[in-house]
Amino acid sequence: MVPFNERVLSASCKSQNLIYLLTCNKAGEPATVGETATKLNMRMNTHRTSTTGCEHVYTHKKECVGFDFLIQVLEKLAGTGYDVDGLLNSNITKFRQTREDFWIKRLRTLFPYGLNEKALDKISDSTIIRTAVGSLNPPLDKNIPRPVRTRKKDKNYLIDSIASLFRLVGEWFEKDPATLYNNIRKTLNTLSRKLLRLIASEIQEPNSFAFQ
């Protein structure tokens, strides 16, 4: 579920001047972001019946059996988007398209990640796929704390040298070869970085202790 933006006011199927997200109910994805000054229900009727427009949306509709979409209002702008004389307000339209572009990139709905084919700084021809289209998207949040990995020595393993490690590996091989690699993996994770570097250096030498 996409979190609603602070600019979302009370919206209904009759709302105008907004940015919306359509997600395929059948596939769960992909999604497309759109903007409209007309009433939302009228815009959705256009999406359901149209055979032209965004080629990626149209292609998905044809190929996805049982196609239907979930509608989410991402941002409801003030007013209707029209002037008092009933004509579209060009300044409001430009701002609304700017906000649409913001959401397209924030939610990563540009093809091939989603179904949008247009962006303010992207070639709009749907037959051309920009290989670096992901570079148009803002960077992901990196504030999530990374797990801290520690190498605590297991008291059951008194491994303080390369020789003691290979001696232990030999014992595992004789007792239970089937669990050998799993035991090695778990043990390596308990060793100090200094000892790991020595082991790596040792096994890279053709005439080392490890190959005798």
N, C-alpha and C. Protein backbone atom coordinates (compact mmCIF):
# COMPACT_ATOMS: atom_id res chain seq x y z
N MET A 1 0.85 -1.19 0.00
CA MET A 1 0.00 0.00 0.00
C MET A 1 0.88 1.24 0.00
N VAL A 2 0.63 2.11 -0.94
CA VAL A 2 1.43 3.34 -1.03
C VAL A 2 0.93 4.35 -0.01
N PRO A 3 1.80 4.89 0.82
CA PRO A 3 1.37 5.87 1.82
C PRO A 3 0.84 7.12 1.16
N PHE A 4 -0.25 7.67 1.70
CA PHE A 4 -0.82 8.88 1.15
C PHE A 4 0.04 10.08 1.50
N ASN A 5 0.16 10.99 0.57
CA ASN A 5 0.94 12.19 0.76
C ASN A 5 0.16 13.20 1.59
N GLU A 6 0.90 14.11 2.23
CA GLU A 6 0.23 15.09 3.08
C GLU A 6 -0.67 16.04 2.28
N ARG A 7 -0.51 16.07 0.95
CA ARG A 7 -1.33 16.95 0.13
C ARG A 7 -2.68 16.32 -0.21
N VAL A 8 -2.89 15.05 0.13
CA VAL A 8 -4.16 14.40 -0.18
C VAL A 8 -5.24 14.97 0.74
N LEU A 9 -6.26 15.53 0.14
CA LEU A 9 -7.41 15.99 0.89
C LEU A 9 -8.49 14.93 0.75
N SER A 10 -9.69 15.20 1.22
CA SER A 10 -10.77 14.23 1.05
C SER A 10 -11.05 14.08 -0.44
N ALA A 11 -11.01 12.84 -0.93
CA ALA A 11 -11.19 12.59 -2.36
C ALA A 11 -12.26 11.53 -2.56
N SER A 12 -12.93 11.62 -3.70
CA SER A 12 -13.96 10.66 -4.06
C SER A 12 -13.89 10.42 -5.56
N CYS A 13 -14.80 9.60 -6.07
CA CYS A 13 -14.78 9.31 -7.50
C CYS A 13 -15.14 10.54 -8.33
N LYS A 14 -15.68 11.56 -7.70
CA LYS A 14 -16.02 12.79 -8.41
C LYS A 14 -14.92 13.85 -8.32
N SER A 15 -13.83 13.55 -7.62
CA SER A 15 -12.76 14.53 -7.40
C SER A 15 -12.04 14.85 -8.71
N GLN A 16 -11.50 16.07 -8.76
CA GLN A 16 -10.77 16.55 -9.93
C GLN A 16 -9.41 17.10 -9.51
N ASN A 17 -8.58 17.34 -10.50
CA ASN A 17 -7.27 17.97 -10.27
C ASN A 17 -6.43 17.15 -9.29
N LEU A 18 -6.04 15.96 -9.71
CA LEU A 18 -5.32 15.06 -8.81
C LEU A 18 -4.34 14.17 -9.56
N ILE A 19 -3.51 13.48 -8.79
CA ILE A 19 -2.57 12.49 -9.31
C ILE A 19 -2.98 11.15 -8.71
N TYR A 20 -3.00 10.12 -9.52
CA TYR A 20 -3.49 8.82 -9.07
C TYR A 20 -2.51 7.71 -9.46
N LEU A 21 -2.69 6.56 -8.80
CA LEU A 21 -1.87 5.37 -9.07
C LEU A 21 -2.80 4.23 -9.42
N LEU A 22 -2.51 3.53 -10.51
CA LEU A 22 -3.25 2.33 -10.90
C LEU A 22 -2.33 1.13 -10.78
N THR A 23 -2.79 0.12 -10.07
CA THR A 23 -2.02 -1.11 -9.89
C THR A 23 -2.87 -2.28 -10.36
N CYS A 24 -2.29 -3.16 -11.15
CA CYS A 24 -3.04 -4.31 -11.68
C CYS A 24 -3.43 -5.24 -10.54
N ASN A 25 -4.75 -5.44 -10.35
CA ASN A 25 -5.24 -6.33 -9.30
C ASN A 25 -4.90 -7.78 -9.60
N LYS A 26 -4.86 -8.13 -10.86
CA LYS A 26 -4.60 -9.50 -11.26
C LYS A 26 -3.16 -9.90 -10.99
N ALA A 27 -2.23 -9.03 -11.41
CA ALA A 27 -0.81 -9.35 -11.28
C ALA A 27 -0.18 -8.78 -10.01
N GLY A 28 -0.88 -7.82 -9.35
CA GLY A 28 -0.29 -7.17 -8.19
C GLY A 28 0.66 -6.06 -8.60
N GLU A 29 1.14 -6.12 -9.78
CA GLU A 29 2.02 -5.14 -10.41
C GLU A 29 1.99 -5.47 -11.90
N PRO A 30 2.43 -4.65 -12.79
CA PRO A 30 3.07 -3.35 -12.56
C PRO A 30 2.05 -2.25 -12.32
N ALA A 31 2.53 -1.03 -12.17
CA ALA A 31 1.66 0.09 -11.86
C ALA A 31 1.96 1.26 -12.79
N THR A 32 1.01 2.19 -12.82
CA THR A 32 1.20 3.40 -13.61
C THR A 32 0.65 4.59 -12.85
N VAL A 33 1.32 5.72 -12.97
CA VAL A 33 0.89 6.96 -12.33
C VAL A 33 0.29 7.86 -13.41
N GLY A 34 -0.82 8.54 -13.06
CA GLY A 34 -1.44 9.45 -14.02
C GLY A 34 -1.92 10.71 -13.33
N GLU A 35 -2.30 11.69 -14.13
CA GLU A 35 -2.85 12.94 -13.60
C GLU A 35 -4.10 13.30 -14.40
N THR A 36 -5.03 14.01 -13.76
CA THR A 36 -6.24 14.39 -14.45
C THR A 36 -6.88 15.62 -13.83
N ALA A 37 -7.50 16.43 -14.69
CA ALA A 37 -8.30 17.55 -14.21
C ALA A 37 -9.78 17.20 -14.30
N THR A 38 -10.10 16.15 -15.09
CA THR A 38 -11.49 15.70 -15.17
C THR A 38 -11.84 14.88 -13.94
N LYS A 39 -13.11 14.57 -13.77
CA LYS A 39 -13.53 13.79 -12.63
C LYS A 39 -12.89 12.41 -12.68
N LEU A 40 -12.52 11.90 -11.52
CA LEU A 40 -11.76 10.65 -11.45
C LEU A 40 -12.51 9.49 -12.09
N ASN A 41 -13.83 9.40 -11.87
CA ASN A 41 -14.59 8.28 -12.44
C ASN A 41 -14.60 8.34 -13.97
N MET A 42 -14.65 9.55 -14.52
CA MET A 42 -14.62 9.70 -15.98
C MET A 42 -13.25 9.30 -16.53
N ARG A 43 -12.19 9.66 -15.80
CA ARG A 43 -10.83 9.30 -16.23
C ARG A 43 -10.65 7.79 -16.19
N MET A 44 -11.21 7.13 -15.18
CA MET A 44 -11.08 5.68 -15.08
C MET A 44 -11.85 4.98 -16.18
N ASN A 45 -12.99 5.53 -16.57
CA ASN A 45 -13.74 4.95 -17.69
C ASN A 45 -12.92 5.00 -18.97
N THR A 46 -12.16 6.08 -19.13
CA THR A 46 -11.28 6.21 -20.29
C THR A 46 -10.21 5.13 -20.26
N HIS A 47 -9.63 4.87 -19.08
CA HIS A 47 -8.61 3.83 -18.96
C HIS A 47 -9.19 2.46 -19.31
N ARG A 48 -10.41 2.20 -18.89
CA ARG A 48 -11.01 0.87 -19.11
C ARG A 48 -11.36 0.62 -20.58
N THR A 49 -11.73 1.65 -21.30
CA THR A 49 -12.23 1.47 -22.66
C THR A 49 -11.25 1.87 -23.75
N SER A 50 -10.20 2.59 -23.41
CA SER A 50 -9.31 3.11 -24.44
C SER A 50 -8.49 2.00 -25.09
N THR A 51 -8.19 2.19 -26.35
CA THR A 51 -7.31 1.28 -27.10
C THR A 51 -6.07 2.01 -27.60
N THR A 52 -5.92 3.25 -27.18
CA THR A 52 -4.73 4.03 -27.53
C THR A 52 -4.24 4.72 -26.27
N GLY A 53 -3.14 5.42 -26.40
CA GLY A 53 -2.55 6.11 -25.24
C GLY A 53 -1.22 5.48 -24.91
N CYS A 54 -0.97 5.28 -23.64
CA CYS A 54 0.28 4.66 -23.22
C CYS A 54 0.35 3.22 -23.73
N GLU A 55 1.30 2.94 -24.59
CA GLU A 55 1.39 1.62 -25.22
C GLU A 55 1.61 0.50 -24.21
N HIS A 56 2.35 0.80 -23.13
CA HIS A 56 2.63 -0.24 -22.13
C HIS A 56 1.37 -0.63 -21.37
N VAL A 57 0.53 0.35 -21.04
CA VAL A 57 -0.74 0.07 -20.36
C VAL A 57 -1.65 -0.73 -21.27
N TYR A 58 -1.75 -0.32 -22.52
CA TYR A 58 -2.62 -1.00 -23.48
C TYR A 58 -2.16 -2.44 -23.71
N THR A 59 -0.85 -2.63 -23.83
CA THR A 59 -0.31 -3.98 -24.03
C THR A 59 -0.59 -4.87 -22.83
N HIS A 60 -0.43 -4.32 -21.62
CA HIS A 60 -0.70 -5.10 -20.42
C HIS A 60 -2.17 -5.49 -20.34
N LYS A 61 -3.06 -4.58 -20.70
CA LYS A 61 -4.50 -4.87 -20.69
C LYS A 61 -4.83 -6.03 -21.62
N LYS A 62 -4.17 -6.09 -22.76
CA LYS A 62 -4.44 -7.16 -23.72
C LYS A 62 -3.88 -8.51 -23.25
N GLU A 63 -2.73 -8.46 -22.60
CA GLU A 63 -2.04 -9.71 -22.24
C GLU A 63 -2.44 -10.27 -20.90
N CYS A 64 -2.99 -9.43 -20.01
CA CYS A 64 -3.34 -9.87 -18.66
C CYS A 64 -4.80 -10.31 -18.64
N VAL A 65 -5.03 -11.62 -18.60
CA VAL A 65 -6.40 -12.16 -18.58
C VAL A 65 -7.08 -11.80 -17.26
N GLY A 66 -8.27 -11.22 -17.34
CA GLY A 66 -8.97 -10.80 -16.13
C GLY A 66 -8.45 -9.48 -15.60
N PHE A 67 -7.87 -8.69 -16.47
CA PHE A 67 -7.26 -7.42 -16.06
C PHE A 67 -8.27 -6.52 -15.33
N ASP A 68 -7.85 -5.97 -14.24
CA ASP A 68 -8.61 -4.95 -13.50
C ASP A 68 -7.57 -4.19 -12.69
N PHE A 69 -7.91 -2.96 -12.23
CA PHE A 69 -6.89 -2.21 -11.52
C PHE A 69 -7.41 -1.59 -10.24
N LEU A 70 -6.50 -1.47 -9.27
CA LEU A 70 -6.75 -0.79 -8.01
C LEU A 70 -6.44 0.68 -8.21
N ILE A 71 -7.33 1.55 -7.73
CA ILE A 71 -7.16 2.99 -7.89
C ILE A 71 -6.79 3.61 -6.55
N GLN A 72 -5.73 4.39 -6.53
CA GLN A 72 -5.32 5.11 -5.34
C GLN A 72 -5.03 6.57 -5.68
N VAL A 73 -5.60 7.48 -4.91
CA VAL A 73 -5.31 8.90 -5.10
C VAL A 73 -4.04 9.22 -4.33
N LEU A 74 -3.03 9.67 -5.05
CA LEU A 74 -1.75 10.00 -4.43
C LEU A 74 -1.71 11.44 -3.93
N GLU A 75 -2.33 12.32 -4.69
CA GLU A 75 -2.25 13.73 -4.34
C GLU A 75 -3.46 14.46 -4.92
N LYS A 76 -4.22 15.12 -4.07
CA LYS A 76 -5.37 15.93 -4.49
C LYS A 76 -4.99 17.39 -4.37
N LEU A 77 -4.92 18.08 -5.52
CA LEU A 77 -4.56 19.49 -5.51
C LEU A 77 -5.81 20.35 -5.30
N ALA A 78 -5.58 21.55 -4.84
CA ALA A 78 -6.70 22.46 -4.57
C ALA A 78 -7.39 22.86 -5.87
N GLY A 79 -8.70 23.03 -5.81
CA GLY A 79 -9.45 23.47 -6.98
C GLY A 79 -9.75 22.34 -7.94
N THR A 80 -10.23 22.71 -9.13
CA THR A 80 -10.61 21.72 -10.14
C THR A 80 -9.62 21.63 -11.28
N GLY A 81 -8.73 22.62 -11.38
CA GLY A 81 -7.81 22.65 -12.50
C GLY A 81 -8.33 23.46 -13.66
N TYR A 82 -9.55 23.98 -13.53
CA TYR A 82 -10.16 24.79 -14.60
C TYR A 82 -10.34 26.23 -14.12
N ASP A 83 -10.35 27.14 -15.09
CA ASP A 83 -10.67 28.53 -14.80
C ASP A 83 -12.19 28.69 -14.71
N VAL A 84 -12.60 29.85 -14.30
CA VAL A 84 -14.04 30.12 -14.15
C VAL A 84 -14.77 30.05 -15.48
N ASP A 85 -14.04 30.23 -16.59
CA ASP A 85 -14.67 30.17 -17.91
C ASP A 85 -14.74 28.75 -18.45
N GLY A 86 -14.30 27.77 -17.62
CA GLY A 86 -14.40 26.37 -18.03
C GLY A 86 -13.22 25.85 -18.82
N LEU A 87 -12.19 26.67 -19.00
CA LEU A 87 -11.00 26.24 -19.71
C LEU A 87 -9.93 25.77 -18.73
N LEU A 88 -9.11 24.83 -19.19
CA LEU A 88 -8.02 24.34 -18.35
C LEU A 88 -7.07 25.49 -18.02
N ASN A 89 -6.68 25.56 -16.76
CA ASN A 89 -5.70 26.55 -16.33
C ASN A 89 -4.31 26.00 -16.65
N SER A 90 -3.57 26.69 -17.52
CA SER A 90 -2.28 26.19 -17.99
C SER A 90 -1.25 26.08 -16.86
N ASN A 91 -1.27 27.04 -15.94
CA ASN A 91 -0.31 27.01 -14.83
C ASN A 91 -0.58 25.83 -13.89
N ILE A 92 -1.86 25.60 -13.61
CA ILE A 92 -2.22 24.47 -12.75
C ILE A 92 -1.89 23.15 -13.45
N THR A 93 -2.16 23.09 -14.75
CA THR A 93 -1.85 21.88 -15.51
C THR A 93 -0.37 21.57 -15.47
N LYS A 94 0.46 22.58 -15.66
CA LYS A 94 1.91 22.39 -15.62
C LYS A 94 2.36 21.91 -14.24
N PHE A 95 1.79 22.51 -13.19
CA PHE A 95 2.16 22.09 -11.84
C PHE A 95 1.72 20.65 -11.59
N ARG A 96 0.51 20.31 -12.04
CA ARG A 96 0.00 18.95 -11.84
C ARG A 96 0.88 17.93 -12.56
N GLN A 97 1.33 18.26 -13.75
CA GLN A 97 2.21 17.37 -14.50
C GLN A 97 3.58 17.23 -13.83
N THR A 98 4.03 18.30 -13.18
CA THR A 98 5.28 18.23 -12.42
C THR A 98 5.14 17.28 -11.24
N ARG A 99 3.98 17.34 -10.57
CA ARG A 99 3.74 16.44 -9.45
C ARG A 99 3.58 14.99 -9.92
N GLU A 100 2.99 14.81 -11.08
CA GLU A 100 2.89 13.47 -11.66
C GLU A 100 4.28 12.90 -11.90
N ASP A 101 5.16 13.72 -12.46
CA ASP A 101 6.53 13.30 -12.73
C ASP A 101 7.24 12.92 -11.43
N PHE A 102 7.01 13.69 -10.38
CA PHE A 102 7.60 13.40 -9.07
C PHE A 102 7.18 12.01 -8.59
N TRP A 103 5.89 11.70 -8.70
CA TRP A 103 5.40 10.40 -8.21
C TRP A 103 5.85 9.25 -9.10
N ILE A 104 5.93 9.48 -10.41
CA ILE A 104 6.41 8.44 -11.32
C ILE A 104 7.80 7.99 -10.92
N LYS A 105 8.65 8.95 -10.60
CA LYS A 105 10.04 8.63 -10.26
C LYS A 105 10.16 8.12 -8.83
N ARG A 106 9.36 8.67 -7.93
CA ARG A 106 9.43 8.21 -6.54
C ARG A 106 8.96 6.76 -6.42
N LEU A 107 7.89 6.40 -7.15
CA LEU A 107 7.34 5.05 -7.07
C LEU A 107 7.95 4.11 -8.10
N ARG A 108 8.87 4.64 -8.94
CA ARG A 108 9.59 3.82 -9.91
C ARG A 108 8.63 3.09 -10.85
N THR A 109 7.77 3.85 -11.50
CA THR A 109 6.80 3.23 -12.41
C THR A 109 7.15 3.44 -13.87
N LEU A 110 8.36 3.96 -14.17
CA LEU A 110 8.78 4.08 -15.56
C LEU A 110 9.07 2.70 -16.13
N PHE A 111 8.64 2.44 -17.35
CA PHE A 111 8.91 1.17 -18.00
C PHE A 111 10.43 0.96 -18.11
N PRO A 112 10.97 -0.23 -17.82
CA PRO A 112 10.28 -1.50 -17.64
C PRO A 112 9.89 -1.84 -16.20
N TYR A 113 10.11 -0.92 -15.24
CA TYR A 113 9.76 -1.19 -13.84
C TYR A 113 8.25 -1.06 -13.62
N GLY A 114 7.61 -0.20 -14.37
CA GLY A 114 6.18 0.00 -14.32
C GLY A 114 5.66 0.21 -15.72
N LEU A 115 4.51 0.86 -15.86
CA LEU A 115 3.89 1.01 -17.17
C LEU A 115 3.96 2.43 -17.72
N ASN A 116 4.49 3.36 -16.96
CA ASN A 116 4.63 4.73 -17.49
C ASN A 116 5.73 4.78 -18.54
N GLU A 117 5.49 5.51 -19.61
CA GLU A 117 6.52 5.63 -20.64
C GLU A 117 7.08 7.04 -20.73
N LYS A 118 6.42 8.02 -20.11
CA LYS A 118 6.84 9.41 -20.24
C LYS A 118 7.36 9.96 -18.92
N ALA A 119 8.38 10.78 -19.03
CA ALA A 119 8.89 11.55 -17.90
C ALA A 119 9.44 12.85 -18.47
N LEU A 120 9.61 13.84 -17.63
CA LEU A 120 10.02 15.15 -18.12
C LEU A 120 11.39 15.15 -18.78
N ASP A 121 12.26 14.23 -18.36
CA ASP A 121 13.61 14.20 -18.92
C ASP A 121 13.92 12.85 -19.56
N LYS A 122 12.90 12.25 -20.17
CA LYS A 122 13.06 10.94 -20.81
C LYS A 122 12.44 10.96 -22.19
N ILE A 123 13.02 10.21 -23.12
CA ILE A 123 12.44 10.06 -24.46
C ILE A 123 11.07 9.41 -24.32
N SER A 124 10.05 10.00 -24.92
CA SER A 124 8.69 9.52 -24.72
C SER A 124 8.27 8.41 -25.68
N ASP A 125 9.09 8.13 -26.69
CA ASP A 125 8.76 7.09 -27.66
C ASP A 125 8.75 5.74 -26.96
N SER A 126 7.59 5.07 -26.94
CA SER A 126 7.45 3.82 -26.19
C SER A 126 8.23 2.67 -26.82
N THR A 127 8.70 2.84 -28.06
CA THR A 127 9.47 1.77 -28.70
C THR A 127 10.94 1.84 -28.32
N ILE A 128 11.32 2.90 -27.63
CA ILE A 128 12.72 3.07 -27.22
C ILE A 128 12.84 2.84 -25.73
N ILE A 129 13.68 1.89 -25.34
CA ILE A 129 13.90 1.60 -23.92
C ILE A 129 15.27 2.14 -23.54
N ARG A 130 15.28 3.09 -22.64
CA ARG A 130 16.54 3.64 -22.16
C ARG A 130 17.09 2.69 -21.10
N THR A 131 18.25 2.13 -21.37
CA THR A 131 18.79 1.12 -20.46
C THR A 131 19.06 1.67 -19.07
N ALA A 132 19.35 2.99 -18.99
CA ALA A 132 19.66 3.58 -17.70
C ALA A 132 18.46 4.34 -17.14
N VAL A 133 17.23 3.87 -17.46
CA VAL A 133 16.05 4.59 -17.00
C VAL A 133 15.99 4.66 -15.48
N GLY A 134 16.58 3.67 -14.81
CA GLY A 134 16.58 3.68 -13.35
C GLY A 134 17.35 4.84 -12.77
N SER A 135 18.25 5.42 -13.56
CA SER A 135 19.03 6.56 -13.07
C SER A 135 18.18 7.81 -12.91
N LEU A 136 16.97 7.82 -13.50
CA LEU A 136 16.07 8.96 -13.35
C LEU A 136 15.37 8.96 -12.00
N ASN A 137 15.34 7.81 -11.36
CA ASN A 137 14.65 7.70 -10.08
C ASN A 137 15.50 8.25 -8.94
N PRO A 138 14.86 8.80 -7.92
CA PRO A 138 15.63 9.29 -6.77
C PRO A 138 16.24 8.12 -6.02
N PRO A 139 17.35 8.33 -5.31
CA PRO A 139 17.98 7.23 -4.58
C PRO A 139 17.07 6.72 -3.47
N LEU A 140 17.17 5.44 -3.18
CA LEU A 140 16.38 4.85 -2.11
C LEU A 140 16.88 5.33 -0.76
N ASP A 141 16.01 5.31 0.22
CA ASP A 141 16.36 5.74 1.56
C ASP A 141 17.41 4.79 2.14
N LYS A 142 18.52 5.37 2.59
CA LYS A 142 19.60 4.56 3.16
C LYS A 142 19.71 4.76 4.66
N ASN A 143 18.64 5.23 5.27
CA ASN A 143 18.67 5.48 6.71
C ASN A 143 18.38 4.23 7.53
N ILE A 144 18.03 3.14 6.83
CA ILE A 144 17.76 1.90 7.54
C ILE A 144 19.06 1.37 8.14
N PRO A 145 19.11 1.14 9.44
CA PRO A 145 20.36 0.69 10.05
C PRO A 145 20.80 -0.67 9.53
N ARG A 146 22.06 -0.79 9.22
CA ARG A 146 22.59 -2.05 8.73
C ARG A 146 22.88 -2.98 9.90
N PRO A 147 22.62 -4.27 9.73
CA PRO A 147 22.92 -5.20 10.82
C PRO A 147 24.40 -5.25 11.12
N VAL A 148 24.73 -5.33 12.38
CA VAL A 148 26.12 -5.39 12.81
C VAL A 148 26.54 -6.84 12.93
N ARG A 149 27.52 -7.21 12.15
CA ARG A 149 28.01 -8.58 12.19
C ARG A 149 29.25 -8.64 13.07
N THR A 150 29.24 -9.56 13.96
CA THR A 150 30.39 -9.73 14.85
C THR A 150 30.95 -11.13 14.68
N ARG A 151 32.19 -11.25 14.97
CA ARG A 151 32.86 -12.55 14.89
C ARG A 151 33.28 -12.96 16.30
N LYS A 152 32.32 -13.54 17.00
CA LYS A 152 32.60 -13.96 18.37
C LYS A 152 33.16 -15.38 18.35
N LYS A 153 34.23 -15.53 19.04
CA LYS A 153 34.83 -16.85 19.08
C LYS A 153 33.98 -17.81 19.88
N ASP A 154 33.72 -18.95 19.29
CA ASP A 154 32.99 -20.01 19.97
C ASP A 154 33.97 -20.73 20.89
N LYS A 155 33.60 -20.84 22.14
CA LYS A 155 34.50 -21.48 23.12
C LYS A 155 34.75 -22.95 22.80
N ASN A 156 33.83 -23.54 21.97
CA ASN A 156 34.00 -24.95 21.63
C ASN A 156 35.14 -25.16 20.64
N TYR A 157 35.53 -24.08 19.95
CA TYR A 157 36.59 -24.18 18.97
C TYR A 157 37.79 -23.37 19.44
N LEU A 158 38.83 -24.06 19.77
CA LEU A 158 40.05 -23.39 20.21
C LEU A 158 40.97 -23.27 19.01
N ILE A 159 40.60 -22.43 18.09
CA ILE A 159 41.35 -22.26 16.86
C ILE A 159 42.13 -20.96 16.94
N ASP A 160 43.42 -21.08 17.08
CA ASP A 160 44.25 -19.88 17.17
C ASP A 160 45.35 -19.88 16.13
N SER A 161 45.30 -20.86 15.20
CA SER A 161 46.32 -20.93 14.16
C SER A 161 45.76 -21.66 12.95
N ILE A 162 46.47 -21.53 11.83
CA ILE A 162 46.05 -22.22 10.61
C ILE A 162 46.14 -23.73 10.80
N ALA A 163 47.17 -24.17 11.47
CA ALA A 163 47.38 -25.60 11.67
C ALA A 163 46.21 -26.22 12.46
N SER A 164 45.76 -25.54 13.50
CA SER A 164 44.68 -26.08 14.31
C SER A 164 43.38 -26.15 13.51
N LEU A 165 43.19 -25.18 12.60
CA LEU A 165 41.98 -25.20 11.77
C LEU A 165 41.98 -26.40 10.84
N PHE A 166 43.09 -26.61 10.13
CA PHE A 166 43.14 -27.72 9.19
C PHE A 166 43.13 -29.07 9.90
N ARG A 167 43.65 -29.11 11.12
CA ARG A 167 43.58 -30.34 11.91
C ARG A 167 42.12 -30.67 12.24
N LEU A 168 41.35 -29.62 12.57
CA LEU A 168 39.94 -29.80 12.88
C LEU A 168 39.16 -30.21 11.64
N VAL A 169 39.50 -29.61 10.50
CA VAL A 169 38.84 -29.97 9.25
C VAL A 169 39.08 -31.44 8.93
N GLY A 170 40.29 -31.91 9.17
CA GLY A 170 40.59 -33.32 8.94
C GLY A 170 39.76 -34.23 9.81
N GLU A 171 39.53 -33.86 11.06
CA GLU A 171 38.71 -34.66 11.97
C GLU A 171 37.27 -34.72 11.48
N TRP A 172 36.74 -33.58 11.03
CA TRP A 172 35.36 -33.54 10.51
C TRP A 172 35.22 -34.44 9.29
N PHE A 173 36.24 -34.39 8.42
CA PHE A 173 36.18 -35.19 7.19
C PHE A 173 36.14 -36.68 7.51
N GLU A 174 36.88 -37.10 8.51
CA GLU A 174 36.91 -38.51 8.87
C GLU A 174 35.61 -38.95 9.55
N LYS A 175 35.04 -38.08 10.39
CA LYS A 175 33.85 -38.45 11.15
C LYS A 175 32.56 -38.36 10.33
N ASP A 176 32.39 -37.23 9.62
CA ASP A 176 31.14 -37.04 8.89
C ASP A 176 31.37 -36.11 7.70
N PRO A 177 31.80 -36.67 6.57
CA PRO A 177 32.08 -35.83 5.39
C PRO A 177 30.86 -35.04 4.90
N ALA A 178 29.65 -35.54 5.17
CA ALA A 178 28.44 -34.89 4.67
C ALA A 178 28.24 -33.50 5.28
N THR A 179 28.70 -33.32 6.50
CA THR A 179 28.52 -32.02 7.17
C THR A 179 29.78 -31.17 7.16
N LEU A 180 30.79 -31.61 6.41
CA LEU A 180 32.09 -30.94 6.42
C LEU A 180 31.97 -29.46 6.04
N TYR A 181 31.34 -29.18 4.89
CA TYR A 181 31.31 -27.80 4.40
C TYR A 181 30.48 -26.88 5.30
N ASN A 182 29.43 -27.43 5.88
CA ASN A 182 28.62 -26.61 6.79
C ASN A 182 29.40 -26.28 8.05
N ASN A 183 30.16 -27.24 8.56
CA ASN A 183 31.00 -27.00 9.75
C ASN A 183 32.08 -25.96 9.45
N ILE A 184 32.67 -26.05 8.25
CA ILE A 184 33.69 -25.07 7.87
C ILE A 184 33.09 -23.68 7.80
N ARG A 185 31.92 -23.57 7.17
CA ARG A 185 31.26 -22.27 7.03
C ARG A 185 30.98 -21.65 8.39
N LYS A 186 30.42 -22.42 9.32
CA LYS A 186 30.11 -21.89 10.65
C LYS A 186 31.37 -21.51 11.41
N THR A 187 32.41 -22.28 11.24
CA THR A 187 33.65 -22.02 11.98
C THR A 187 34.35 -20.77 11.46
N LEU A 188 34.38 -20.59 10.14
CA LEU A 188 35.02 -19.41 9.57
C LEU A 188 34.38 -18.12 10.07
N ASN A 189 33.11 -18.18 10.35
CA ASN A 189 32.41 -16.99 10.82
C ASN A 189 32.77 -16.62 12.25
N THR A 190 33.47 -17.52 12.96
CA THR A 190 33.86 -17.23 14.34
C THR A 190 35.31 -16.75 14.45
N LEU A 191 36.02 -16.79 13.34
CA LEU A 191 37.45 -16.47 13.38
C LEU A 191 37.69 -14.98 13.26
N SER A 192 38.82 -14.55 13.76
CA SER A 192 39.20 -13.15 13.65
C SER A 192 39.58 -12.82 12.21
N ARG A 193 39.50 -11.56 11.86
CA ARG A 193 39.86 -11.16 10.50
C ARG A 193 41.35 -11.42 10.21
N LYS A 194 42.14 -11.25 11.23
CA LYS A 194 43.58 -11.48 11.05
C LYS A 194 43.85 -12.93 10.66
N LEU A 195 43.19 -13.86 11.37
CA LEU A 195 43.39 -15.27 11.06
C LEU A 195 42.80 -15.64 9.70
N LEU A 196 41.68 -15.00 9.35
CA LEU A 196 41.08 -15.26 8.04
C LEU A 196 42.00 -14.82 6.91
N ARG A 197 42.68 -13.70 7.11
CA ARG A 197 43.62 -13.23 6.09
C ARG A 197 44.79 -14.20 5.95
N LEU A 198 45.26 -14.73 7.07
CA LEU A 198 46.36 -15.71 7.02
C LEU A 198 45.93 -16.98 6.30
N ILE A 199 44.68 -17.41 6.56
CA ILE A 199 44.16 -18.62 5.91
C ILE A 199 44.05 -18.40 4.40
N ALA A 200 43.53 -17.23 4.01
CA ALA A 200 43.38 -16.93 2.59
C ALA A 200 44.74 -16.91 1.91
N SER A 201 45.73 -16.34 2.58
CA SER A 201 47.09 -16.29 2.01
C SER A 201 47.67 -17.69 1.90
N GLU A 202 47.37 -18.52 2.88
CA GLU A 202 47.92 -19.88 2.92
C GLU A 202 47.37 -20.74 1.79
N ILE A 203 46.06 -20.70 1.59
CA ILE A 203 45.45 -21.60 0.60
C ILE A 203 45.73 -21.15 -0.83
N GLN A 204 46.21 -19.91 -1.01
CA GLN A 204 46.55 -19.44 -2.34
C GLN A 204 47.93 -19.90 -2.78
N GLU A 205 48.71 -20.43 -1.84
CA GLU A 205 50.04 -20.94 -2.17
C GLU A 205 49.95 -22.40 -2.56
N PRO A 206 50.38 -22.77 -3.78
CA PRO A 206 50.26 -24.17 -4.26
C PRO A 206 50.96 -25.17 -3.35
N ASN A 207 52.04 -24.79 -2.70
CA ASN A 207 52.80 -25.73 -1.87
C ASN A 207 52.54 -25.52 -0.39
N SER A 208 51.39 -24.96 -0.07
CA SER A 208 51.10 -24.65 1.32
C SER A 208 50.68 -25.88 2.09
N PHE A 209 50.56 -25.67 3.40
CA PHE A 209 50.15 -26.75 4.32
C PHE A 209 48.78 -27.31 3.93
N ALA A 210 47.93 -26.46 3.39
CA ALA A 210 46.56 -26.86 3.08
C ALA A 210 46.49 -27.92 2.01
N PHE A 211 47.50 -28.03 1.16
CA PHE A 211 47.46 -28.97 0.06
C PHE A 211 48.39 -30.17 0.27
N GLN A 212 48.90 -30.29 1.46
CA GLN A 212 49.80 -31.40 1.74
C GLN A 212 49.05 -32.56 2.36
